[in-house]
Amino acid sequence: MTAHTQQAQPKSLWPIFPIALVMIALFFIASQYLLSSNPTPDEEAERAALRTKNLEEVNKDNEAKLMHYAWADKAKGVVRIPINRAMELTIPALSQNHPHPAYPVATPIAAVPVAAPATPQASPAASATPQSSPAH
């Protein structure tokens, strides 16, 4: 056989067309399914109403906590006071604290007695006096 007789025959493209049509049909079916599963405007309106109701409840609860006296922990004797009253009590204390430079915070020294540092014990060799060498 020669090189001319071994040339590859061109492949037919006809089997690709049905596969492409099936893929397009599957894409169309999947997109229609996904579009139909979106919530309807009625569902969105219900969700919006529920979110609005929840927001109103949270705001009402926060207002009750911020505007009224109540026990925070009765067993520990902790009370909650209105925010305006808390600011009235805090402002005088803060106004007495004048601005000052921000230096590093000094840590308090503990009231633990500090022992004197131990003196190193002299070794016998170190305590011996050097012997003088005989004079020449």
N, C-alpha and C. Protein backbone atom coordinates (compact mmCIF):
# COMPACT_ATOMS: atom_id res chain seq x y z
N MET A 1 0.82 -1.17 0.00
CA MET A 1 0.00 0.00 0.00
C MET A 1 0.88 1.24 0.00
N THR A 2 0.41 2.19 -0.65
CA THR A 2 1.18 3.41 -0.72
C THR A 2 0.55 4.46 0.18
N ALA A 3 1.22 5.56 0.32
CA ALA A 3 0.75 6.62 1.20
C ALA A 3 -0.54 7.23 0.66
N HIS A 4 -0.71 7.17 -0.67
CA HIS A 4 -1.90 7.77 -1.24
C HIS A 4 -3.15 6.95 -0.96
N THR A 5 -3.01 5.68 -0.83
CA THR A 5 -4.18 4.83 -0.60
C THR A 5 -4.60 4.80 0.87
N GLN A 6 -3.73 5.24 1.77
CA GLN A 6 -4.04 5.21 3.19
C GLN A 6 -4.63 6.53 3.70
N GLN A 7 -5.05 7.39 2.83
CA GLN A 7 -5.62 8.65 3.27
C GLN A 7 -6.92 8.38 4.02
N ALA A 8 -7.11 9.16 5.08
CA ALA A 8 -8.30 8.96 5.90
C ALA A 8 -9.52 9.47 5.15
N GLN A 9 -10.59 8.71 5.26
CA GLN A 9 -11.85 9.11 4.66
C GLN A 9 -12.47 10.21 5.53
N PRO A 10 -13.03 11.26 4.96
CA PRO A 10 -13.68 12.29 5.78
C PRO A 10 -14.86 11.69 6.53
N LYS A 11 -14.96 12.05 7.82
CA LYS A 11 -16.03 11.50 8.65
C LYS A 11 -17.31 12.26 8.37
N SER A 12 -18.39 11.56 8.47
CA SER A 12 -19.68 12.17 8.20
C SER A 12 -20.15 12.93 9.44
N LEU A 13 -20.75 14.10 9.26
CA LEU A 13 -21.24 14.93 10.35
C LEU A 13 -22.71 14.65 10.65
N TRP A 14 -23.35 13.77 9.93
CA TRP A 14 -24.77 13.52 10.13
C TRP A 14 -25.11 12.98 11.52
N PRO A 15 -24.29 12.16 12.18
CA PRO A 15 -24.68 11.69 13.53
C PRO A 15 -24.64 12.80 14.58
N ILE A 16 -23.94 13.88 14.32
CA ILE A 16 -23.85 14.98 15.29
C ILE A 16 -25.16 15.77 15.36
N PHE A 17 -25.88 15.90 14.26
CA PHE A 17 -27.11 16.69 14.23
C PHE A 17 -28.19 16.16 15.17
N PRO A 18 -28.48 14.88 15.21
CA PRO A 18 -29.51 14.43 16.17
C PRO A 18 -29.07 14.63 17.63
N ILE A 19 -27.78 14.45 17.89
CA ILE A 19 -27.29 14.65 19.26
C ILE A 19 -27.44 16.12 19.64
N ALA A 20 -27.14 17.03 18.72
CA ALA A 20 -27.29 18.46 18.99
C ALA A 20 -28.75 18.82 19.22
N LEU A 21 -29.66 18.25 18.44
CA LEU A 21 -31.09 18.52 18.63
C LEU A 21 -31.57 18.01 19.99
N VAL A 22 -31.09 16.84 20.40
CA VAL A 22 -31.48 16.30 21.71
C VAL A 22 -30.95 17.21 22.82
N MET A 23 -29.73 17.68 22.68
CA MET A 23 -29.15 18.57 23.70
C MET A 23 -29.93 19.89 23.79
N ILE A 24 -30.31 20.44 22.64
CA ILE A 24 -31.10 21.69 22.64
C ILE A 24 -32.45 21.45 23.30
N ALA A 25 -33.07 20.32 23.01
CA ALA A 25 -34.37 20.01 23.61
C ALA A 25 -34.23 19.85 25.13
N LEU A 26 -33.19 19.19 25.59
CA LEU A 26 -32.97 19.03 27.04
C LEU A 26 -32.74 20.39 27.70
N PHE A 27 -31.99 21.27 27.04
CA PHE A 27 -31.77 22.60 27.58
C PHE A 27 -33.09 23.36 27.69
N PHE A 28 -33.92 23.28 26.66
CA PHE A 28 -35.20 23.96 26.67
C PHE A 28 -36.10 23.42 27.79
N ILE A 29 -36.15 22.13 27.97
CA ILE A 29 -36.97 21.52 29.02
C ILE A 29 -36.46 21.94 30.40
N ALA A 30 -35.15 21.91 30.61
CA ALA A 30 -34.58 22.29 31.91
C ALA A 30 -34.84 23.77 32.21
N SER A 31 -34.69 24.63 31.21
CA SER A 31 -34.94 26.05 31.45
C SER A 31 -36.41 26.31 31.76
N GLN A 32 -37.32 25.61 31.09
CA GLN A 32 -38.74 25.78 31.40
C GLN A 32 -39.07 25.30 32.80
N TYR A 33 -38.44 24.21 33.23
CA TYR A 33 -38.67 23.71 34.59
C TYR A 33 -38.17 24.71 35.62
N LEU A 34 -36.98 25.24 35.41
CA LEU A 34 -36.42 26.20 36.37
C LEU A 34 -37.23 27.50 36.39
N LEU A 35 -37.70 27.95 35.26
CA LEU A 35 -38.51 29.16 35.23
C LEU A 35 -39.87 28.96 35.89
N SER A 36 -40.41 27.77 35.79
CA SER A 36 -41.72 27.52 36.39
C SER A 36 -41.62 27.35 37.90
N SER A 37 -40.45 27.03 38.42
CA SER A 37 -40.31 26.82 39.86
C SER A 37 -40.06 28.12 40.61
N ASN A 38 -39.93 29.25 39.92
CA ASN A 38 -39.76 30.55 40.60
C ASN A 38 -41.01 30.89 41.37
N PRO A 39 -40.86 31.56 42.50
CA PRO A 39 -42.04 31.92 43.27
C PRO A 39 -42.92 32.90 42.50
N THR A 40 -44.18 32.78 42.72
CA THR A 40 -45.13 33.67 42.06
C THR A 40 -45.15 35.01 42.79
N PRO A 41 -45.69 36.03 42.17
CA PRO A 41 -45.75 37.33 42.86
C PRO A 41 -46.53 37.26 44.18
N ASP A 42 -47.52 36.36 44.27
CA ASP A 42 -48.27 36.23 45.51
C ASP A 42 -47.36 35.71 46.63
N GLU A 43 -46.50 34.75 46.31
CA GLU A 43 -45.57 34.22 47.32
C GLU A 43 -44.60 35.31 47.77
N GLU A 44 -44.13 36.12 46.83
CA GLU A 44 -43.22 37.21 47.18
C GLU A 44 -43.92 38.22 48.09
N ALA A 45 -45.17 38.52 47.82
CA ALA A 45 -45.92 39.46 48.65
C ALA A 45 -46.10 38.90 50.06
N GLU A 46 -46.38 37.59 50.15
CA GLU A 46 -46.52 36.96 51.46
C GLU A 46 -45.20 37.02 52.24
N ARG A 47 -44.11 36.74 51.56
CA ARG A 47 -42.80 36.79 52.21
C ARG A 47 -42.47 38.21 52.67
N ALA A 48 -42.79 39.19 51.83
CA ALA A 48 -42.53 40.59 52.20
C ALA A 48 -43.36 40.98 53.42
N ALA A 49 -44.61 40.53 53.47
CA ALA A 49 -45.47 40.85 54.61
C ALA A 49 -44.92 40.19 55.88
N LEU A 50 -44.44 38.96 55.76
CA LEU A 50 -43.88 38.26 56.91
C LEU A 50 -42.61 38.97 57.40
N ARG A 51 -41.75 39.40 56.46
CA ARG A 51 -40.54 40.13 56.85
C ARG A 51 -40.89 41.44 57.54
N THR A 52 -41.89 42.13 57.04
CA THR A 52 -42.31 43.40 57.65
C THR A 52 -42.85 43.16 59.05
N LYS A 53 -43.63 42.10 59.21
CA LYS A 53 -44.18 41.77 60.54
C LYS A 53 -43.05 41.44 61.51
N ASN A 54 -42.07 40.64 61.06
CA ASN A 54 -40.93 40.29 61.92
C ASN A 54 -40.12 41.52 62.29
N LEU A 55 -39.93 42.43 61.35
CA LEU A 55 -39.18 43.65 61.63
C LEU A 55 -39.92 44.50 62.66
N GLU A 56 -41.22 44.61 62.55
CA GLU A 56 -42.00 45.37 63.52
C GLU A 56 -41.89 44.77 64.92
N GLU A 57 -41.92 43.43 65.01
CA GLU A 57 -41.79 42.77 66.31
C GLU A 57 -40.42 43.02 66.92
N VAL A 58 -39.38 42.95 66.10
CA VAL A 58 -38.02 43.20 66.60
C VAL A 58 -37.88 44.64 67.07
N ASN A 59 -38.40 45.57 66.28
CA ASN A 59 -38.32 46.98 66.68
C ASN A 59 -39.11 47.24 67.96
N LYS A 60 -40.27 46.61 68.09
CA LYS A 60 -41.08 46.77 69.30
C LYS A 60 -40.34 46.21 70.52
N ASP A 61 -39.71 45.05 70.36
CA ASP A 61 -38.95 44.43 71.45
C ASP A 61 -37.75 45.31 71.83
N ASN A 62 -37.05 45.82 70.83
CA ASN A 62 -35.90 46.69 71.10
C ASN A 62 -36.33 47.97 71.80
N GLU A 63 -37.45 48.54 71.37
CA GLU A 63 -37.92 49.76 72.01
C GLU A 63 -38.29 49.51 73.47
N ALA A 64 -38.90 48.35 73.73
CA ALA A 64 -39.25 48.02 75.12
C ALA A 64 -37.99 47.88 75.97
N LYS A 65 -36.93 47.32 75.41
CA LYS A 65 -35.69 47.16 76.16
C LYS A 65 -34.97 48.49 76.35
N LEU A 66 -35.07 49.38 75.37
CA LEU A 66 -34.33 50.65 75.44
C LEU A 66 -35.08 51.76 76.17
N MET A 67 -36.38 51.65 76.29
CA MET A 67 -37.17 52.77 76.83
C MET A 67 -37.82 52.50 78.18
N HIS A 68 -37.69 51.31 78.73
CA HIS A 68 -38.39 50.99 79.97
C HIS A 68 -37.45 50.32 80.97
N TYR A 69 -37.79 50.47 82.23
CA TYR A 69 -37.06 49.79 83.30
C TYR A 69 -37.49 48.32 83.32
N ALA A 70 -36.55 47.44 83.58
CA ALA A 70 -36.88 46.02 83.68
C ALA A 70 -35.71 45.30 84.35
N TRP A 71 -35.99 44.12 84.83
CA TRP A 71 -34.94 43.28 85.41
C TRP A 71 -34.18 42.60 84.27
N ALA A 72 -32.87 42.73 84.28
CA ALA A 72 -32.05 41.97 83.33
C ALA A 72 -31.75 40.60 83.94
N ASP A 73 -31.40 40.58 85.23
CA ASP A 73 -31.18 39.34 85.97
C ASP A 73 -31.53 39.61 87.42
N LYS A 74 -32.73 39.21 87.80
CA LYS A 74 -33.24 39.52 89.13
C LYS A 74 -32.42 38.81 90.21
N ALA A 75 -31.95 37.61 89.94
CA ALA A 75 -31.18 36.85 90.93
C ALA A 75 -29.87 37.57 91.26
N LYS A 76 -29.27 38.20 90.27
CA LYS A 76 -28.00 38.90 90.50
C LYS A 76 -28.23 40.37 90.84
N GLY A 77 -29.47 40.83 90.75
CA GLY A 77 -29.77 42.22 91.07
C GLY A 77 -29.39 43.18 89.96
N VAL A 78 -29.42 42.72 88.71
CA VAL A 78 -29.05 43.56 87.57
C VAL A 78 -30.34 44.05 86.91
N VAL A 79 -30.44 45.38 86.76
CA VAL A 79 -31.62 45.97 86.13
C VAL A 79 -31.24 46.62 84.82
N ARG A 80 -32.24 46.80 83.98
CA ARG A 80 -32.08 47.49 82.71
C ARG A 80 -32.78 48.83 82.86
N ILE A 81 -32.08 49.92 82.48
CA ILE A 81 -32.67 51.25 82.59
C ILE A 81 -32.80 51.82 81.19
N PRO A 82 -33.69 52.81 81.01
CA PRO A 82 -33.83 53.43 79.68
C PRO A 82 -32.52 54.06 79.22
N ILE A 83 -32.31 54.05 77.94
CA ILE A 83 -31.05 54.53 77.38
C ILE A 83 -30.83 56.01 77.66
N ASN A 84 -31.90 56.79 77.62
CA ASN A 84 -31.75 58.24 77.89
C ASN A 84 -31.28 58.48 79.32
N ARG A 85 -31.83 57.72 80.26
CA ARG A 85 -31.43 57.86 81.66
C ARG A 85 -29.97 57.40 81.84
N ALA A 86 -29.59 56.33 81.15
CA ALA A 86 -28.21 55.85 81.23
C ALA A 86 -27.24 56.91 80.71
N MET A 87 -27.62 57.60 79.64
CA MET A 87 -26.75 58.66 79.12
C MET A 87 -26.67 59.82 80.10
N GLU A 88 -27.80 60.16 80.75
CA GLU A 88 -27.78 61.23 81.73
C GLU A 88 -26.84 60.90 82.89
N LEU A 89 -26.79 59.64 83.29
CA LEU A 89 -25.92 59.24 84.39
C LEU A 89 -24.46 59.14 83.97
N THR A 90 -24.21 58.85 82.72
CA THR A 90 -22.85 58.62 82.25
C THR A 90 -22.14 59.90 81.85
N ILE A 91 -22.87 60.86 81.33
CA ILE A 91 -22.25 62.10 80.83
C ILE A 91 -21.44 62.82 81.90
N PRO A 92 -21.94 63.01 83.14
CA PRO A 92 -21.10 63.71 84.14
C PRO A 92 -19.80 62.98 84.44
N ALA A 93 -19.84 61.68 84.49
CA ALA A 93 -18.60 60.94 84.76
C ALA A 93 -17.61 61.07 83.61
N LEU A 94 -18.13 61.05 82.39
CA LEU A 94 -17.24 61.18 81.24
C LEU A 94 -16.73 62.61 81.08
N SER A 95 -17.53 63.59 81.47
CA SER A 95 -17.08 64.98 81.32
C SER A 95 -15.96 65.32 82.31
N GLN A 96 -15.85 64.59 83.40
CA GLN A 96 -14.76 64.82 84.35
C GLN A 96 -13.45 64.23 83.85
N ASN A 97 -13.51 63.30 82.95
CA ASN A 97 -12.32 62.66 82.41
C ASN A 97 -11.88 63.47 81.18
N HIS A 98 -10.95 64.40 81.38
CA HIS A 98 -10.50 65.26 80.31
C HIS A 98 -9.59 64.49 79.36
N PRO A 99 -9.50 64.95 78.12
CA PRO A 99 -8.64 64.26 77.16
C PRO A 99 -7.18 64.26 77.62
N HIS A 100 -6.52 63.19 77.38
CA HIS A 100 -5.12 63.08 77.75
C HIS A 100 -4.44 62.18 76.73
N PRO A 101 -3.12 62.31 76.63
CA PRO A 101 -2.42 61.49 75.64
C PRO A 101 -2.58 60.01 75.95
N ALA A 102 -2.59 59.24 74.93
CA ALA A 102 -2.73 57.80 75.08
C ALA A 102 -1.36 57.16 75.19
N TYR A 103 -0.88 57.04 76.40
CA TYR A 103 0.38 56.37 76.65
C TYR A 103 0.11 54.90 76.91
N PRO A 104 1.15 54.10 76.88
CA PRO A 104 0.93 52.69 77.22
C PRO A 104 0.37 52.56 78.63
N VAL A 105 -0.47 51.62 78.81
CA VAL A 105 -1.11 51.41 80.10
C VAL A 105 -0.10 50.79 81.04
N ALA A 106 0.06 51.40 82.21
CA ALA A 106 0.98 50.86 83.22
C ALA A 106 0.27 49.75 83.97
N THR A 107 0.87 48.63 84.02
CA THR A 107 0.27 47.52 84.75
C THR A 107 0.60 47.67 86.22
N PRO A 108 -0.37 47.42 87.08
CA PRO A 108 -0.10 47.55 88.51
C PRO A 108 0.86 46.46 88.97
N ILE A 109 1.73 46.84 89.89
CA ILE A 109 2.68 45.88 90.44
C ILE A 109 1.99 45.14 91.56
N ALA A 110 2.09 43.85 91.55
CA ALA A 110 1.46 43.03 92.56
C ALA A 110 2.12 43.28 93.92
N ALA A 111 1.35 43.13 94.98
CA ALA A 111 1.84 43.36 96.33
C ALA A 111 2.53 42.11 96.87
N VAL A 112 3.38 41.53 96.06
CA VAL A 112 4.11 40.34 96.49
C VAL A 112 5.52 40.78 96.82
N PRO A 113 6.00 40.45 98.03
CA PRO A 113 7.36 40.86 98.37
C PRO A 113 8.37 40.19 97.43
N VAL A 114 9.31 40.99 97.04
CA VAL A 114 10.33 40.48 96.14
C VAL A 114 11.55 40.12 96.97
N ALA A 115 11.99 38.90 96.85
CA ALA A 115 13.16 38.45 97.60
C ALA A 115 14.41 39.01 96.93
N ALA A 116 15.43 39.26 97.75
CA ALA A 116 16.70 39.75 97.23
C ALA A 116 17.31 38.67 96.35
N PRO A 117 17.96 39.09 95.30
CA PRO A 117 18.55 38.08 94.42
C PRO A 117 19.62 37.29 95.18
N ALA A 118 19.65 36.03 94.92
CA ALA A 118 20.61 35.15 95.60
C ALA A 118 22.01 35.45 95.08
N THR A 119 22.97 35.50 96.02
CA THR A 119 24.35 35.72 95.60
C THR A 119 24.93 34.37 95.21
N PRO A 120 25.66 34.36 94.14
CA PRO A 120 26.22 33.06 93.73
C PRO A 120 27.26 32.59 94.75
N GLN A 121 27.21 31.33 95.03
CA GLN A 121 28.19 30.74 95.96
C GLN A 121 29.55 30.66 95.26
N ALA A 122 30.55 31.10 95.97
CA ALA A 122 31.89 31.07 95.38
C ALA A 122 32.41 29.65 95.42
N SER A 123 32.95 29.25 94.33
CA SER A 123 33.51 27.90 94.28
C SER A 123 34.84 27.88 95.02
N PRO A 124 35.25 26.74 95.55
CA PRO A 124 36.52 26.68 96.28
C PRO A 124 37.70 27.11 95.42
N ALA A 125 37.66 26.80 94.18
CA ALA A 125 38.78 27.17 93.32
C ALA A 125 38.82 28.68 93.14
N ALA A 126 37.66 29.29 93.09
CA ALA A 126 37.62 30.72 92.88
C ALA A 126 38.01 31.47 94.15
N SER A 127 37.73 30.89 95.33
CA SER A 127 38.02 31.60 96.58
C SER A 127 39.49 31.46 96.96
N ALA A 128 40.19 30.54 96.41
CA ALA A 128 41.60 30.39 96.75
C ALA A 128 42.37 31.53 96.13
N THR A 129 43.34 32.02 96.90
CA THR A 129 44.16 33.12 96.41
C THR A 129 45.20 32.57 95.47
N PRO A 130 45.45 33.26 94.45
CA PRO A 130 46.47 32.74 93.52
C PRO A 130 47.85 32.76 94.19
N GLN A 131 48.50 31.73 93.97
CA GLN A 131 49.84 31.65 94.58
C GLN A 131 50.82 32.42 93.72
N SER A 132 51.66 33.11 94.41
CA SER A 132 52.63 33.92 93.68
C SER A 132 53.75 33.03 93.20
N SER A 133 54.17 33.34 92.07
CA SER A 133 55.25 32.55 91.54
C SER A 133 56.58 33.07 92.14
N PRO A 134 57.58 32.22 92.27
CA PRO A 134 58.85 32.67 92.84
C PRO A 134 59.49 33.74 92.00
N ALA A 135 60.01 34.67 92.64
CA ALA A 135 60.64 35.78 91.93
C ALA A 135 61.97 35.34 91.34
N HIS A 136 62.26 35.86 90.28
CA HIS A 136 63.53 35.51 89.63
C HIS A 136 64.58 36.40 90.04
